[in-house]
């Protein structure tokens, strides 16, 4: 499964919420600043090319439906993230975040001046 760019992931988040939709519907639900319609249409066509969505022609428009479930994407994303940044060790992930939380607690308490 090919990784998504940030704009692709944002479009997929909306398509997952809607369980599919038209480019205009996705555009209406994206946060500001919204991309131009044509840019979003290209982004969604890239998602189709990558196998994340399928297009169904309805009249003069296309409706896009997710082919990959949100849970599946999340699972693969996290697996790649852990592999790329934490030597494939979930123990290192937990340790990293525990250390960050402890450092933040110390800063708040005034016991630890900086990162």
PDB file of N, CA and C in Angstrom:
ATOM      1  N   UNK A   1       0.857  -1.178   0.000  1.00  0.00           N
ATOM      2  CA  UNK A   1       0.000   0.000   0.000  1.00  0.00           C
ATOM      3  C   UNK A   1       0.899   1.237   0.000  1.00  0.00           C
ATOM      4  N   UNK A   2       0.700   2.057  -1.005  1.00  0.00           N
ATOM      5  CA  UNK A   2       1.509   3.259  -1.156  1.00  0.00           C
ATOM      6  C   UNK A   2       1.108   4.304  -0.108  1.00  0.00           C
ATOM      7  N   UNK A   3       2.107   4.989   0.428  1.00  0.00           N
ATOM      8  CA  UNK A   3       1.829   6.042   1.417  1.00  0.00           C
ATOM      9  C   UNK A   3       1.097   7.199   0.770  1.00  0.00           C
ATOM     10  N   UNK A   4       0.310   7.879   1.593  1.00  0.00           N
ATOM     11  CA  UNK A   4      -0.452   9.030   1.111  1.00  0.00           C
ATOM     12  C   UNK A   4       0.251  10.322   1.473  1.00  0.00           C
ATOM     13  N   UNK A   5       0.089  11.316   0.609  1.00  0.00           N
ATOM     14  CA  UNK A   5       0.549  12.668   0.930  1.00  0.00           C
ATOM     15  C   UNK A   5      -0.456  13.263   1.918  1.00  0.00           C
ATOM     16  N   UNK A   6      -0.109  14.382   2.515  1.00  0.00           N
ATOM     17  CA  UNK A   6      -1.034  15.018   3.458  1.00  0.00           C
ATOM     18  C   UNK A   6      -2.362  15.387   2.792  1.00  0.00           C
ATOM     19  N   UNK A   7      -2.347  16.014   1.596  1.00  0.00           N
ATOM     20  CA  UNK A   7      -3.643  16.323   0.959  1.00  0.00           C
ATOM     21  C   UNK A   7      -4.448  15.063   0.635  1.00  0.00           C
ATOM     22  N   UNK A   8      -3.774  13.991   0.228  1.00  0.00           N
ATOM     23  CA  UNK A   8      -4.481  12.740  -0.055  1.00  0.00           C
ATOM     24  C   UNK A   8      -5.111  12.174   1.216  1.00  0.00           C
ATOM     25  N   UNK A   9      -4.351  12.228   2.308  1.00  0.00           N
ATOM     26  CA  UNK A   9      -4.869  11.707   3.573  1.00  0.00           C
ATOM     27  C   UNK A   9      -6.061  12.534   4.053  1.00  0.00           C
ATOM     28  N   UNK A  10      -6.001  13.846   3.899  1.00  0.00           N
ATOM     29  CA  UNK A  10      -7.119  14.698   4.301  1.00  0.00           C
ATOM     30  C   UNK A  10      -8.370  14.373   3.478  1.00  0.00           C
ATOM     31  N   UNK A  11      -8.189  14.160   2.175  1.00  0.00           N
ATOM     32  CA  UNK A  11      -9.329  13.796   1.321  1.00  0.00           C
ATOM     33  C   UNK A  11      -9.888  12.437   1.731  1.00  0.00           C
ATOM     34  N   UNK A  12      -9.001  11.485   2.021  1.00  0.00           N
ATOM     35  CA  UNK A  12      -9.454  10.157   2.447  1.00  0.00           C
ATOM     36  C   UNK A  12     -10.222  10.231   3.757  1.00  0.00           C
ATOM     37  N   UNK A  13      -9.775  11.061   4.682  1.00  0.00           N
ATOM     38  CA  UNK A  13     -10.489  11.196   5.960  1.00  0.00           C
ATOM     39  C   UNK A  13     -11.941  11.598   5.703  1.00  0.00           C
ATOM     40  N   UNK A  14     -12.144  12.537   4.790  1.00  0.00           N
ATOM     41  CA  UNK A  14     -13.504  12.972   4.469  1.00  0.00           C
ATOM     42  C   UNK A  14     -14.271  11.851   3.773  1.00  0.00           C
ATOM     43  N   UNK A  15     -13.633  11.184   2.813  1.00  0.00           N
ATOM     44  CA  UNK A  15     -14.306  10.092   2.110  1.00  0.00           C
ATOM     45  C   UNK A  15     -14.688   8.966   3.071  1.00  0.00           C
ATOM     46  N   UNK A  16     -13.845   8.688   4.053  1.00  0.00           N
ATOM     47  CA  UNK A  16     -14.197   7.680   5.060  1.00  0.00           C
ATOM     48  C   UNK A  16     -15.398   8.139   5.883  1.00  0.00           C
ATOM     49  N   UNK A  17     -15.399   9.413   6.283  1.00  0.00           N
ATOM     50  CA  UNK A  17     -16.525   9.934   7.069  1.00  0.00           C
ATOM     51  C   UNK A  17     -17.829   9.855   6.291  1.00  0.00           C
ATOM     52  N   UNK A  18     -17.775  10.172   5.004  1.00  0.00           N
ATOM     53  CA  UNK A  18     -18.971  10.183   4.159  1.00  0.00           C
ATOM     54  C   UNK A  18     -19.315   8.797   3.619  1.00  0.00           C
ATOM     55  N   UNK A  19     -18.391   7.881   3.731  1.00  0.00           N
ATOM     56  CA  UNK A  19     -18.494   6.573   3.073  1.00  0.00           C
ATOM     57  C   UNK A  19     -18.620   6.765   1.562  1.00  0.00           C
ATOM     58  N   UNK A  20     -17.827   7.696   1.034  1.00  0.00           N
ATOM     59  CA  UNK A  20     -17.801   8.001  -0.392  1.00  0.00           C
ATOM     60  C   UNK A  20     -18.488   9.313  -0.677  1.00  0.00           C
ATOM     61  N   UNK A  21     -18.148   9.898  -1.828  1.00  0.00           N
ATOM     62  CA  UNK A  21     -18.787  11.146  -2.198  1.00  0.00           C
ATOM     63  C   UNK A  21     -18.182  11.752  -3.444  1.00  0.00           C
ATOM     64  N   UNK A  22     -18.735  12.891  -3.831  1.00  0.00           N
ATOM     65  CA  UNK A  22     -18.275  13.653  -4.983  1.00  0.00           C
ATOM     66  C   UNK A  22     -17.187  14.625  -4.538  1.00  0.00           C
ATOM     67  N   UNK A  23     -16.392  15.095  -5.496  1.00  0.00           N
ATOM     68  CA  UNK A  23     -15.316  16.044  -5.183  1.00  0.00           C
ATOM     69  C   UNK A  23     -15.885  17.253  -4.447  1.00  0.00           C
ATOM     70  N   UNK A  24     -17.014  17.767  -4.904  1.00  0.00           N
ATOM     71  CA  UNK A  24     -17.613  18.955  -4.271  1.00  0.00           C
ATOM     72  C   UNK A  24     -17.950  18.683  -2.799  1.00  0.00           C
ATOM     73  N   UNK A  25     -18.460  17.497  -2.493  1.00  0.00           N
ATOM     74  CA  UNK A  25     -18.797  17.149  -1.105  1.00  0.00           C
ATOM     75  C   UNK A  25     -17.543  17.077  -0.232  1.00  0.00           C
ATOM     76  N   UNK A  26     -16.480  16.523  -0.805  1.00  0.00           N
ATOM     77  CA  UNK A  26     -15.216  16.455  -0.062  1.00  0.00           C
ATOM     78  C   UNK A  26     -14.704  17.866   0.188  1.00  0.00           C
ATOM     79  N   UNK A  27     -14.712  18.681  -0.847  1.00  0.00           N
ATOM     80  CA  UNK A  27     -14.223  20.059  -0.741  1.00  0.00           C
ATOM     81  C   UNK A  27     -14.959  20.830   0.354  1.00  0.00           C
ATOM     82  N   UNK A  28     -16.272  20.666   0.426  1.00  0.00           N
ATOM     83  CA  UNK A  28     -17.077  21.377   1.422  1.00  0.00           C
ATOM     84  C   UNK A  28     -16.716  21.001   2.848  1.00  0.00           C
ATOM     85  N   UNK A  29     -16.147  19.827   3.044  1.00  0.00           N
ATOM     86  CA  UNK A  29     -15.848  19.348   4.399  1.00  0.00           C
ATOM     87  C   UNK A  29     -14.376  19.488   4.786  1.00  0.00           C
ATOM     88  N   UNK A  30     -13.550  19.956   3.864  1.00  0.00           N
ATOM     89  CA  UNK A  30     -12.140  20.167   4.194  1.00  0.00           C
ATOM     90  C   UNK A  30     -11.983  21.473   4.974  1.00  0.00           C
ATOM     91  N   UNK A  31     -11.023  21.514   5.888  1.00  0.00           N
ATOM     92  CA  UNK A  31     -10.808  22.747   6.650  1.00  0.00           C
ATOM     93  C   UNK A  31     -10.191  23.843   5.774  1.00  0.00           C
ATOM     94  N   UNK A  32     -10.336  25.068   6.215  1.00  0.00           N
ATOM     95  CA  UNK A  32      -9.710  26.209   5.527  1.00  0.00           C
ATOM     96  C   UNK A  32      -8.208  26.170   5.777  1.00  0.00           C
ATOM     97  N   UNK A  33      -7.391  26.601   4.867  1.00  0.00           N
ATOM     98  CA  UNK A  33      -7.737  27.029   3.524  1.00  0.00           C
ATOM     99  C   UNK A  33      -7.978  25.811   2.630  1.00  0.00           C
ATOM    100  N   UNK A  34      -9.081  25.828   1.935  1.00  0.00           N
ATOM    101  CA  UNK A  34      -9.433  24.712   1.056  1.00  0.00           C
ATOM    102  C   UNK A  34      -8.662  24.826  -0.262  1.00  0.00           C
ATOM    103  N   UNK A  35      -8.277  23.679  -0.817  1.00  0.00           N
ATOM    104  CA  UNK A  35      -7.590  23.728  -2.109  1.00  0.00           C
ATOM    105  C   UNK A  35      -8.571  24.082  -3.213  1.00  0.00           C
ATOM    106  N   UNK A  36      -8.075  24.536  -4.361  1.00  0.00           N
ATOM    107  CA  UNK A  36      -8.978  24.737  -5.502  1.00  0.00           C
ATOM    108  C   UNK A  36      -9.630  23.407  -5.892  1.00  0.00           C
ATOM    109  N   UNK A  37     -10.806  23.489  -6.456  1.00  0.00           N
ATOM    110  CA  UNK A  37     -11.562  22.296  -6.864  1.00  0.00           C
ATOM    111  C   UNK A  37     -10.705  21.398  -7.752  1.00  0.00           C
ATOM    112  N   UNK A  38     -10.022  21.985  -8.731  1.00  0.00           N
ATOM    113  CA  UNK A  38      -9.239  21.177  -9.675  1.00  0.00           C
ATOM    114  C   UNK A  38      -8.088  20.464  -8.989  1.00  0.00           C
ATOM    115  N   UNK A  39      -7.492  21.093  -8.000  1.00  0.00           N
ATOM    116  CA  UNK A  39      -6.406  20.462  -7.241  1.00  0.00           C
ATOM    117  C   UNK A  39      -6.935  19.267  -6.465  1.00  0.00           C
ATOM    118  N   UNK A  40      -8.085  19.444  -5.816  1.00  0.00           N
ATOM    119  CA  UNK A  40      -8.681  18.341  -5.069  1.00  0.00           C
ATOM    120  C   UNK A  40      -9.092  17.210  -6.012  1.00  0.00           C
ATOM    121  N   UNK A  41      -9.630  17.546  -7.172  1.00  0.00           N
ATOM    122  CA  UNK A  41     -10.009  16.519  -8.142  1.00  0.00           C
ATOM    123  C   UNK A  41      -8.783  15.703  -8.567  1.00  0.00           C
ATOM    124  N   UNK A  42      -7.655  16.363  -8.776  1.00  0.00           N
ATOM    125  CA  UNK A  42      -6.415  15.652  -9.127  1.00  0.00           C
ATOM    126  C   UNK A  42      -5.955  14.768  -7.980  1.00  0.00           C
ATOM    127  N   UNK A  43      -6.080  15.280  -6.764  1.00  0.00           N
ATOM    128  CA  UNK A  43      -5.691  14.514  -5.575  1.00  0.00           C
ATOM    129  C   UNK A  43      -6.527  13.237  -5.480  1.00  0.00           C
ATOM    130  N   UNK A  44      -7.814  13.365  -5.693  1.00  0.00           N
ATOM    131  CA  UNK A  44      -8.697  12.200  -5.596  1.00  0.00           C
ATOM    132  C   UNK A  44      -8.431  11.221  -6.747  1.00  0.00           C
ATOM    133  N   UNK A  45      -8.106  11.728  -7.930  1.00  0.00           N
ATOM    134  CA  UNK A  45      -7.731  10.825  -9.030  1.00  0.00           C
ATOM    135  C   UNK A  45      -6.443  10.070  -8.679  1.00  0.00           C
ATOM    136  N   UNK A  46      -5.524  10.731  -7.982  1.00  0.00           N
ATOM    137  CA  UNK A  46      -4.306  10.046  -7.519  1.00  0.00           C
ATOM    138  C   UNK A  46      -4.667   8.934  -6.530  1.00  0.00           C
ATOM    139  N   UNK A  47      -5.643   9.179  -5.680  1.00  0.00           N
ATOM    140  CA  UNK A  47      -6.098   8.145  -4.744  1.00  0.00           C
ATOM    141  C   UNK A  47      -6.670   6.949  -5.502  1.00  0.00           C
ATOM    142  N   UNK A  48      -7.365   7.249  -6.598  1.00  0.00           N
ATOM    143  CA  UNK A  48      -7.893   6.155  -7.425  1.00  0.00           C
ATOM    144  C   UNK A  48      -6.743   5.373  -8.057  1.00  0.00           C
ATOM    145  N   UNK A  49      -5.759   6.077  -8.584  1.00  0.00           N
ATOM    146  CA  UNK A  49      -4.606   5.429  -9.208  1.00  0.00           C
ATOM    147  C   UNK A  49      -3.851   4.555  -8.203  1.00  0.00           C
ATOM    148  N   UNK A  50      -3.777   5.016  -6.960  1.00  0.00           N
ATOM    149  CA  UNK A  50      -3.075   4.273  -5.908  1.00  0.00           C
ATOM    150  C   UNK A  50      -3.906   3.123  -5.338  1.00  0.00           C
ATOM    151  N   UNK A  51      -5.171   3.039  -5.734  1.00  0.00           N
ATOM    152  CA  UNK A  51      -6.009   1.940  -5.279  1.00  0.00           C
ATOM    153  C   UNK A  51      -6.745   2.181  -3.974  1.00  0.00           C
ATOM    154  N   UNK A  52      -6.841   3.428  -3.544  1.00  0.00           N
ATOM    155  CA  UNK A  52      -7.536   3.757  -2.299  1.00  0.00           C
ATOM    156  C   UNK A  52      -9.022   3.988  -2.501  1.00  0.00           C
ATOM    157  N   UNK A  53      -9.399   4.446  -3.694  1.00  0.00           N
ATOM    158  CA  UNK A  53     -10.810   4.705  -3.990  1.00  0.00           C
ATOM    159  C   UNK A  53     -11.145   4.162  -5.374  1.00  0.00           C
ATOM    160  N   UNK A  54     -12.442   3.971  -5.600  1.00  0.00           N
ATOM    161  CA  UNK A  54     -12.910   3.627  -6.948  1.00  0.00           C
ATOM    162  C   UNK A  54     -13.874   4.721  -7.376  1.00  0.00           C
ATOM    163  N   UNK A  55     -13.887   4.971  -8.670  1.00  0.00           N
ATOM    164  CA  UNK A  55     -14.764   6.006  -9.219  1.00  0.00           C
ATOM    165  C   UNK A  55     -15.955   5.352  -9.907  1.00  0.00           C
ATOM    166  N   UNK A  56     -17.129   5.938  -9.671  1.00  0.00           N
ATOM    167  CA  UNK A  56     -18.343   5.490 -10.331  1.00  0.00           C
ATOM    168  C   UNK A  56     -18.926   6.693 -11.061  1.00  0.00           C
ATOM    169  N   UNK A  57     -19.060   6.579 -12.370  1.00  0.00           N
ATOM    170  CA  UNK A  57     -19.588   7.693 -13.161  1.00  0.00           C
ATOM    171  C   UNK A  57     -21.098   7.788 -12.966  1.00  0.00           C
ATOM    172  N   UNK A  58     -21.528   8.957 -12.551  1.00  0.00           N
ATOM    173  CA  UNK A  58     -22.956   9.243 -12.377  1.00  0.00           C
ATOM    174  C   UNK A  58     -23.254  10.530 -13.145  1.00  0.00           C
ATOM    175  N   UNK A  59     -23.876  10.400 -14.310  1.00  0.00           N
ATOM    176  CA  UNK A  59     -24.125  11.569 -15.155  1.00  0.00           C
ATOM    177  C   UNK A  59     -22.809  12.128 -15.667  1.00  0.00           C
ATOM    178  N   UNK A  60     -22.569  13.402 -15.393  1.00  0.00           N
ATOM    179  CA  UNK A  60     -21.325  14.052 -15.815  1.00  0.00           C
ATOM    180  C   UNK A  60     -20.271  14.074 -14.715  1.00  0.00           C
ATOM    181  N   UNK A  61     -20.553  13.451 -13.590  1.00  0.00           N
ATOM    182  CA  UNK A  61     -19.644  13.494 -12.445  1.00  0.00           C
ATOM    183  C   UNK A  61     -19.211  12.087 -12.047  1.00  0.00           C
ATOM    184  N   UNK A  62     -18.240  12.067 -11.173  1.00  0.00           N
ATOM    185  CA  UNK A  62     -17.784  10.806 -10.590  1.00  0.00           C
ATOM    186  C   UNK A  62     -17.997  10.834  -9.090  1.00  0.00           C
ATOM    187  N   UNK A  63     -18.483   9.730  -8.573  1.00  0.00           N
ATOM    188  CA  UNK A  63     -18.589   9.546  -7.124  1.00  0.00           C
ATOM    189  C   UNK A  63     -17.484   8.584  -6.733  1.00  0.00           C
ATOM    190  N   UNK A  64     -16.751   8.949  -5.692  1.00  0.00           N
ATOM    191  CA  UNK A  64     -15.606   8.163  -5.252  1.00  0.00           C
ATOM    192  C   UNK A  64     -15.938   7.442  -3.956  1.00  0.00           C
ATOM    193  N   UNK A  65     -15.627   6.152  -3.930  1.00  0.00           N
ATOM    194  CA  UNK A  65     -15.893   5.336  -2.748  1.00  0.00           C
ATOM    195  C   UNK A  65     -14.585   4.712  -2.260  1.00  0.00           C
ATOM    196  N   UNK A  66     -14.361   4.702  -0.948  1.00  0.00           N
ATOM    197  CA  UNK A  66     -13.133   4.106  -0.412  1.00  0.00           C
ATOM    198  C   UNK A  66     -13.059   2.610  -0.706  1.00  0.00           C
ATOM    199  N   UNK A  67     -11.886   2.154  -1.089  1.00  0.00           N
ATOM    200  CA  UNK A  67     -11.616   0.732  -1.250  1.00  0.00           C
ATOM    201  C   UNK A  67     -10.818   0.206  -0.057  1.00  0.00           C
ATOM    202  N   UNK A  68     -10.142   1.108   0.632  1.00  0.00           N
ATOM    203  CA  UNK A  68      -9.343   0.762   1.813  1.00  0.00           C
ATOM    204  C   UNK A  68     -10.062   1.311   3.028  1.00  0.00           C
ATOM    205  N   UNK A  69     -10.256   0.471   4.029  1.00  0.00           N
ATOM    206  CA  UNK A  69     -10.923   0.923   5.259  1.00  0.00           C
ATOM    207  C   UNK A  69      -9.970   1.784   6.091  1.00  0.00           C
ATOM    208  N   UNK A  70     -10.547   2.715   6.808  1.00  0.00           N
ATOM    209  CA  UNK A  70      -9.777   3.606   7.673  1.00  0.00           C
ATOM    210  C   UNK A  70      -8.916   2.807   8.654  1.00  0.00           C
ATOM    211  N   UNK A  71      -9.476   1.771   9.242  1.00  0.00           N
ATOM    212  CA  UNK A  71      -8.742   0.956  10.224  1.00  0.00           C
ATOM    213  C   UNK A  71      -7.527   0.289   9.593  1.00  0.00           C
ATOM    214  N   UNK A  72      -7.687  -0.187   8.364  1.00  0.00           N
ATOM    215  CA  UNK A  72      -6.580  -0.840   7.652  1.00  0.00           C
ATOM    216  C   UNK A  72      -5.461   0.157   7.372  1.00  0.00           C
ATOM    217  N   UNK A  73      -5.835   1.353   6.916  1.00  0.00           N
ATOM    218  CA  UNK A  73      -4.831   2.383   6.642  1.00  0.00           C
ATOM    219  C   UNK A  73      -4.101   2.760   7.923  1.00  0.00           C
ATOM    220  N   UNK A  74      -4.862   2.970   8.998  1.00  0.00           N
ATOM    221  CA  UNK A  74      -4.255   3.328  10.285  1.00  0.00           C
ATOM    222  C   UNK A  74      -3.281   2.260  10.756  1.00  0.00           C
ATOM    223  N   UNK A  75      -3.682   1.003  10.635  1.00  0.00           N
ATOM    224  CA  UNK A  75      -2.827  -0.102  11.068  1.00  0.00           C
ATOM    225  C   UNK A  75      -1.526  -0.117  10.276  1.00  0.00           C
ATOM    226  N   UNK A  76      -1.626   0.026   8.971  1.00  0.00           N
ATOM    227  CA  UNK A  76      -0.418   0.024   8.140  1.00  0.00           C
ATOM    228  C   UNK A  76       0.441   1.257   8.393  1.00  0.00           C
ATOM    229  N   UNK A  77      -0.213   2.421   8.563  1.00  0.00           N
ATOM    230  CA  UNK A  77       0.524   3.649   8.841  1.00  0.00           C
ATOM    231  C   UNK A  77       1.320   3.502  10.129  1.00  0.00           C
ATOM    232  N   UNK A  78       0.670   3.020  11.171  1.00  0.00           N
ATOM    233  CA  UNK A  78       1.359   2.863  12.461  1.00  0.00           C
ATOM    234  C   UNK A  78       2.473   1.836  12.365  1.00  0.00           C
ATOM    235  N   UNK A  79       2.247   0.773  11.649  1.00  0.00           N
ATOM    236  CA  UNK A  79       3.274  -0.249  11.473  1.00  0.00           C
ATOM    237  C   UNK A  79       4.500   0.345  10.775  1.00  0.00           C
ATOM    238  N   UNK A  80       4.277   1.116   9.717  1.00  0.00           N
ATOM    239  CA  UNK A  80       5.390   1.767   9.013  1.00  0.00           C
ATOM    240  C   UNK A  80       6.076   2.796   9.893  1.00  0.00           C
ATOM    241  N   UNK A  81       5.297   3.561  10.638  1.00  0.00           N
ATOM    242  CA  UNK A  81       5.842   4.580  11.541  1.00  0.00           C
ATOM    243  C   UNK A  81       6.755   3.939  12.580  1.00  0.00           C
ATOM    244  N   UNK A  82       6.281   2.883  13.202  1.00  0.00           N
ATOM    245  CA  UNK A  82       7.074   2.190  14.228  1.00  0.00           C
ATOM    246  C   UNK A  82       8.336   1.595  13.598  1.00  0.00           C
ATOM    247  N   UNK A  83       8.197   1.032  12.433  1.00  0.00           N
ATOM    248  CA  UNK A  83       9.343   0.448  11.740  1.00  0.00           C
ATOM    249  C   UNK A  83      10.365   1.510  11.362  1.00  0.00           C
ATOM    250  N   UNK A  84       9.903   2.627  10.803  1.00  0.00           N
ATOM    251  CA  UNK A  84      10.800   3.672  10.312  1.00  0.00           C
ATOM    252  C   UNK A  84      11.499   4.452  11.420  1.00  0.00           C
ATOM    253  N   UNK A  85      10.801   4.714  12.514  1.00  0.00           N
ATOM    254  CA  UNK A  85      11.339   5.610  13.543  1.00  0.00           C
ATOM    255  C   UNK A  85      11.722   4.932  14.852  1.00  0.00           C
ATOM    256  N   UNK A  86      11.271   3.715  15.068  1.00  0.00           N
ATOM    257  CA  UNK A  86      11.517   3.068  16.366  1.00  0.00           C
ATOM    258  C   UNK A  86      12.033   1.633  16.209  1.00  0.00           C
ATOM    259  N   UNK A  87      12.739   1.380  15.122  1.00  0.00           N
ATOM    260  CA  UNK A  87      13.364   0.071  14.887  1.00  0.00           C
ATOM    261  C   UNK A  87      12.383  -1.082  15.080  1.00  0.00           C
ATOM    262  N   UNK A  88      11.161  -0.858  14.673  1.00  0.00           N
ATOM    263  CA  UNK A  88      10.104  -1.873  14.725  1.00  0.00           C
ATOM    264  C   UNK A  88       9.794  -2.342  16.150  1.00  0.00           C
ATOM    265  N   UNK A  89       9.992  -1.459  17.124  1.00  0.00           N
ATOM    266  CA  UNK A  89       9.789  -1.816  18.525  1.00  0.00           C
ATOM    267  C   UNK A  89       8.697  -0.932  19.147  1.00  0.00           C
ATOM    268  N   UNK A  90       7.561  -1.551  19.470  1.00  0.00           N
ATOM    269  CA  UNK A  90       6.502  -0.807  20.147  1.00  0.00           C
ATOM    270  C   UNK A  90       6.937  -0.408  21.556  1.00  0.00           C
ATOM    271  N   UNK A  91       7.830  -1.193  22.140  1.00  0.00           N
ATOM    272  CA  UNK A  91       8.373  -0.850  23.452  1.00  0.00           C
ATOM    273  C   UNK A  91       9.121   0.487  23.378  1.00  0.00           C
ATOM    274  N   UNK A  92       9.868   0.708  22.298  1.00  0.00           N
ATOM    275  CA  UNK A  92      10.565   1.989  22.132  1.00  0.00           C
ATOM    276  C   UNK A  92       9.581   3.141  21.939  1.00  0.00           C
ATOM    277  N   UNK A  93       8.469   2.890  21.267  1.00  0.00           N
ATOM    278  CA  UNK A  93       7.441   3.923  21.080  1.00  0.00           C
ATOM    279  C   UNK A  93       6.894   4.347  22.437  1.00  0.00           C
ATOM    280  N   UNK A  94       6.519   3.375  23.245  1.00  0.00           N
ATOM    281  CA  UNK A  94       5.960   3.666  24.566  1.00  0.00           C
ATOM    282  C   UNK A  94       7.000   4.385  25.419  1.00  0.00           C
ATOM    283  N   UNK A  95       8.222   3.917  25.388  1.00  0.00           N
ATOM    284  CA  UNK A  95       9.301   4.540  26.157  1.00  0.00           C
ATOM    285  C   UNK A  95       9.501   5.996  25.739  1.00  0.00           C
ATOM    286  N   UNK A  96       9.490   6.251  24.442  1.00  0.00           N
ATOM    287  CA  UNK A  96       9.651   7.605  23.918  1.00  0.00           C
ATOM    288  C   UNK A  96       8.578   8.540  24.476  1.00  0.00           C
ATOM    289  N   UNK A  97       7.311   8.101  24.391  1.00  0.00           N
ATOM    290  CA  UNK A  97       6.225   8.964  24.844  1.00  0.00           C
ATOM    291  C   UNK A  97       6.198   9.097  26.366  1.00  0.00           C
ATOM    292  N   UNK A  98       6.571   8.064  27.084  1.00  0.00           N
ATOM    293  CA  UNK A  98       6.653   8.168  28.541  1.00  0.00           C
ATOM    294  C   UNK A  98       7.736   9.166  28.947  1.00  0.00           C
ATOM    295  N   UNK A  99       8.872   9.118  28.255  1.00  0.00           N
ATOM    296  CA  UNK A  99       9.954  10.052  28.544  1.00  0.00           C
ATOM    297  C   UNK A  99       9.527  11.482  28.255  1.00  0.00           C
ATOM    298  N   UNK A 100       8.830  11.692  27.136  1.00  0.00           N
ATOM    299  CA  UNK A 100       8.347  13.031  26.787  1.00  0.00           C
ATOM    300  C   UNK A 100       7.353  13.529  27.841  1.00  0.00           C
ATOM    301  N   UNK A 101       6.469  12.666  28.293  1.00  0.00           N
ATOM    302  CA  UNK A 101       5.484  13.058  29.307  1.00  0.00           C
ATOM    303  C   UNK A 101       6.182  13.414  30.614  1.00  0.00           C
ATOM    304  N   UNK A 102       7.184  12.642  30.985  1.00  0.00           N
ATOM    305  CA  UNK A 102       7.929  12.927  32.224  1.00  0.00           C
ATOM    306  C   UNK A 102       8.673  14.253  32.107  1.00  0.00           C
ATOM    307  N   UNK A 103       9.287  14.510  30.972  1.00  0.00           N
ATOM    308  CA  UNK A 103       9.983  15.787  30.773  1.00  0.00           C
ATOM    309  C   UNK A 103       9.009  16.961  30.848  1.00  0.00           C
ATOM    310  N   UNK A 104       7.831  16.784  30.276  1.00  0.00           N
ATOM    311  CA  UNK A 104       6.825  17.842  30.331  1.00  0.00           C
ATOM    312  C   UNK A 104       6.366  18.060  31.774  1.00  0.00           C
ATOM    313  N   UNK A 105       6.163  16.990  32.512  1.00  0.00           N
ATOM    314  CA  UNK A 105       5.757  17.109  33.916  1.00  0.00           C
ATOM    315  C   UNK A 105       6.811  17.863  34.706  1.00  0.00           C
ATOM    316  N   UNK A 106       8.077  17.570  34.446  1.00  0.00           N
ATOM    317  CA  UNK A 106       9.172  18.252  35.160  1.00  0.00           C
ATOM    318  C   UNK A 106       9.224  19.736  34.816  1.00  0.00           C
ATOM    319  N   UNK A 107       9.008  20.065  33.541  1.00  0.00           N
ATOM    320  CA  UNK A 107       9.012  21.483  33.145  1.00  0.00           C
ATOM    321  C   UNK A 107       7.891  22.228  33.855  1.00  0.00           C
ATOM    322  N   UNK A 108       6.711  21.635  33.886  1.00  0.00           N
ATOM    323  CA  UNK A 108       5.570  22.266  34.537  1.00  0.00           C
ATOM    324  C   UNK A 108       5.848  22.455  36.021  1.00  0.00           C
ATOM    325  N   UNK A 109       6.504  21.460  36.630  1.00  0.00           N
ATOM    326  CA  UNK A 109       6.819  21.535  38.051  1.00  0.00           C
ATOM    327  C   UNK A 109       8.022  22.435  38.336  1.00  0.00           C
ATOM    328  N   UNK A 110       8.734  22.864  37.271  1.00  0.00           N
ATOM    329  CA  UNK A 110       9.891  23.709  37.447  1.00  0.00           C
ATOM    330  C   UNK A 110      11.168  22.935  37.750  1.00  0.00           C
ATOM    331  N   UNK A 111      11.132  21.615  37.610  1.00  0.00           N
ATOM    332  CA  UNK A 111      12.296  20.772  37.922  1.00  0.00           C
ATOM    333  C   UNK A 111      13.189  20.518  36.717  1.00  0.00           C
ATOM    334  N   UNK A 112      12.740  20.913  35.536  1.00  0.00           N
ATOM    335  CA  UNK A 112      13.438  20.530  34.310  1.00  0.00           C
ATOM    336  C   UNK A 112      13.301  21.673  33.323  1.00  0.00           C
ATOM    337  N   UNK A 113      14.331  22.502  33.122  1.00  0.00           N
ATOM    338  CA  UNK A 113      14.177  23.731  32.372  1.00  0.00           C
ATOM    339  C   UNK A 113      13.933  23.591  30.872  1.00  0.00           C
ATOM    340  N   UNK A 114      14.389  22.525  30.237  1.00  0.00           N
ATOM    341  CA  UNK A 114      14.215  22.419  28.770  1.00  0.00           C
ATOM    342  C   UNK A 114      14.327  20.972  28.320  1.00  0.00           C
ATOM    343  N   UNK A 115      13.961  20.763  27.021  1.00  0.00           N
ATOM    344  CA  UNK A 115      13.984  19.423  26.399  1.00  0.00           C
ATOM    345  C   UNK A 115      15.365  18.838  26.351  1.00  0.00           C
TER     346      UNK A 115
END
